[in-house]
Amino acid sequence: MIVKLFGLLDILSAVFLFLMKFGTGETIGTILGIYLILKGLIFFSFVGVVDVFTGILMIIAGTGNYINFSWIMIFWLVQKGFVSLYG
């Protein structure tokens, strides 16, 4: 059950990272970025390191500095979320 919740939050994080490209959802996106950093530190592995990096990227995007590398992180979060929900 908690894996499905994490998957749903990963997909939600990807959606808000996408929305921050257009200047909306910065506050919730920053909160989800903090969530990703905390989750990455708790479940420390390669996936956790990528989560920490993605969380930092989301916080940077929340300040208005969107990086084109974010598209790769959006794809990462969506695929990881779907695997958690349906895998």
C-alpha atoms as a PDB file:
ATOM      1  CA  MET A   1       0.000   0.000   0.000  1.00  0.00           C
ATOM      2  CA  ILE A   2       2.775   2.466   0.848  1.00  0.00           C
ATOM      3  CA  VAL A   3       4.573   1.619  -2.407  1.00  0.00           C
ATOM      4  CA  LYS A   4       1.464   2.656  -4.332  1.00  0.00           C
ATOM      5  CA  LEU A   5       1.325   5.911  -2.350  1.00  0.00           C
ATOM      6  CA  PHE A   6       4.971   6.596  -3.190  1.00  0.00           C
ATOM      7  CA  GLY A   7       4.204   5.841  -6.859  1.00  0.00           C
ATOM      8  CA  LEU A   8       1.285   8.249  -6.857  1.00  0.00           C
ATOM      9  CA  LEU A   9       3.404  10.962  -5.224  1.00  0.00           C
ATOM     10  CA  ASP A  10       6.159  10.394  -7.817  1.00  0.00           C
ATOM     11  CA  ILE A  11       3.676  10.897 -10.661  1.00  0.00           C
ATOM     12  CA  LEU A  12       2.292  13.974  -8.899  1.00  0.00           C
ATOM     13  CA  SER A  13       5.845  15.305  -8.525  1.00  0.00           C
ATOM     14  CA  ALA A  14       6.421  14.826 -12.255  1.00  0.00           C
ATOM     15  CA  VAL A  15       3.208  16.703 -13.059  1.00  0.00           C
ATOM     16  CA  PHE A  16       4.204  19.633 -10.866  1.00  0.00           C
ATOM     17  CA  LEU A  17       7.736  19.670 -12.271  1.00  0.00           C
ATOM     18  CA  PHE A  18       6.129  19.934 -15.710  1.00  0.00           C
ATOM     19  CA  LEU A  19       3.780  22.708 -14.538  1.00  0.00           C
ATOM     20  CA  MET A  20       6.663  24.698 -13.063  1.00  0.00           C
ATOM     21  CA  LYS A  21       8.006  25.024 -16.616  1.00  0.00           C
ATOM     22  CA  PHE A  22       5.005  27.284 -17.261  1.00  0.00           C
ATOM     23  CA  GLY A  23       5.227  29.193 -13.983  1.00  0.00           C
ATOM     24  CA  THR A  24       2.446  27.482 -12.011  1.00  0.00           C
ATOM     25  CA  GLY A  25       2.521  25.263  -8.943  1.00  0.00           C
ATOM     26  CA  GLU A  26       5.803  26.477  -7.491  1.00  0.00           C
ATOM     27  CA  THR A  27       4.731  26.121  -3.848  1.00  0.00           C
ATOM     28  CA  ILE A  28       3.396  22.571  -4.126  1.00  0.00           C
ATOM     29  CA  GLY A  29       6.299  21.668  -6.402  1.00  0.00           C
ATOM     30  CA  THR A  30       8.771  22.864  -3.796  1.00  0.00           C
ATOM     31  CA  ILE A  31       6.995  20.833  -1.106  1.00  0.00           C
ATOM     32  CA  LEU A  32       7.120  17.764  -3.352  1.00  0.00           C
ATOM     33  CA  GLY A  33      10.814  18.466  -3.970  1.00  0.00           C
ATOM     34  CA  ILE A  34      11.433  18.387  -0.223  1.00  0.00           C
ATOM     35  CA  TYR A  35       9.441  15.138  -0.068  1.00  0.00           C
ATOM     36  CA  LEU A  36      11.684  13.612  -2.763  1.00  0.00           C
ATOM     37  CA  ILE A  37      14.832  14.668  -0.920  1.00  0.00           C
ATOM     38  CA  LEU A  38      13.601  13.156   2.339  1.00  0.00           C
ATOM     39  CA  LYS A  39      12.496   9.944   0.627  1.00  0.00           C
ATOM     40  CA  GLY A  40      15.841   9.698  -1.149  1.00  0.00           C
ATOM     41  CA  LEU A  41      17.739  10.104   2.111  1.00  0.00           C
ATOM     42  CA  ILE A  42      15.599   7.537   3.948  1.00  0.00           C
ATOM     43  CA  PHE A  43      15.729   4.903   1.170  1.00  0.00           C
ATOM     44  CA  PHE A  44      19.355   5.493   0.197  1.00  0.00           C
ATOM     45  CA  SER A  45      20.362   3.636  -2.975  1.00  0.00           C
ATOM     46  CA  PHE A  46      20.960   4.636  -6.593  1.00  0.00           C
ATOM     47  CA  VAL A  47      17.262   5.424  -6.912  1.00  0.00           C
ATOM     48  CA  GLY A  48      17.457   7.457  -3.704  1.00  0.00           C
ATOM     49  CA  VAL A  49      20.356   9.500  -5.049  1.00  0.00           C
ATOM     50  CA  VAL A  50      18.366  10.264  -8.200  1.00  0.00           C
ATOM     51  CA  ASP A  51      15.387  11.235  -6.005  1.00  0.00           C
ATOM     52  CA  VAL A  52      17.581  13.641  -4.015  1.00  0.00           C
ATOM     53  CA  PHE A  53      18.908  15.151  -7.254  1.00  0.00           C
ATOM     54  CA  THR A  54      15.369  15.465  -8.627  1.00  0.00           C
ATOM     55  CA  GLY A  55      14.176  17.099  -5.402  1.00  0.00           C
ATOM     56  CA  ILE A  56      16.971  19.657  -5.592  1.00  0.00           C
ATOM     57  CA  LEU A  57      16.076  20.265  -9.234  1.00  0.00           C
ATOM     58  CA  MET A  58      12.427  20.818  -8.255  1.00  0.00           C
ATOM     59  CA  ILE A  59      13.399  23.349  -5.593  1.00  0.00           C
ATOM     60  CA  ILE A  60      15.535  25.188  -8.158  1.00  0.00           C
ATOM     61  CA  ALA A  61      12.620  25.114 -10.623  1.00  0.00           C
ATOM     62  CA  GLY A  62      10.385  26.497  -7.876  1.00  0.00           C
ATOM     63  CA  THR A  63      12.563  29.601  -7.742  1.00  0.00           C
ATOM     64  CA  GLY A  64      12.005  30.170 -11.459  1.00  0.00           C
ATOM     65  CA  ASN A  65      15.202  28.629 -12.841  1.00  0.00           C
ATOM     66  CA  TYR A  66      13.884  25.760 -14.948  1.00  0.00           C
ATOM     67  CA  ILE A  67      16.577  23.537 -16.453  1.00  0.00           C
ATOM     68  CA  ASN A  68      16.074  21.582 -19.696  1.00  0.00           C
ATOM     69  CA  PHE A  69      17.474  18.495 -17.944  1.00  0.00           C
ATOM     70  CA  SER A  70      14.179  18.456 -16.040  1.00  0.00           C
ATOM     71  CA  TRP A  71      12.528  16.607 -18.926  1.00  0.00           C
ATOM     72  CA  ILE A  72      14.658  13.571 -18.145  1.00  0.00           C
ATOM     73  CA  MET A  73      13.655  13.800 -14.475  1.00  0.00           C
ATOM     74  CA  ILE A  74       9.978  14.062 -15.447  1.00  0.00           C
ATOM     75  CA  PHE A  75      10.312  10.872 -17.483  1.00  0.00           C
ATOM     76  CA  TRP A  76      12.177   9.217 -14.563  1.00  0.00           C
ATOM     77  CA  LEU A  77       9.453  10.089 -12.054  1.00  0.00           C
ATOM     78  CA  VAL A  78       6.603   9.014 -14.330  1.00  0.00           C
ATOM     79  CA  GLN A  79       8.097   5.635 -15.170  1.00  0.00           C
ATOM     80  CA  LYS A  80       9.077   5.022 -11.537  1.00  0.00           C
ATOM     81  CA  GLY A  81       5.576   5.968 -10.426  1.00  0.00           C
ATOM     82  CA  PHE A  82       3.885   3.650 -12.917  1.00  0.00           C
ATOM     83  CA  VAL A  83       6.174   0.773 -11.973  1.00  0.00           C
ATOM     84  CA  SER A  84       5.296   1.366  -8.298  1.00  0.00           C
ATOM     85  CA  LEU A  85       1.574   1.462  -9.057  1.00  0.00           C
ATOM     86  CA  TYR A  86       1.326  -1.423 -11.507  1.00  0.00           C
ATOM     87  CA  GLY A  87       4.496  -3.471 -10.995  1.00  0.00           C
END
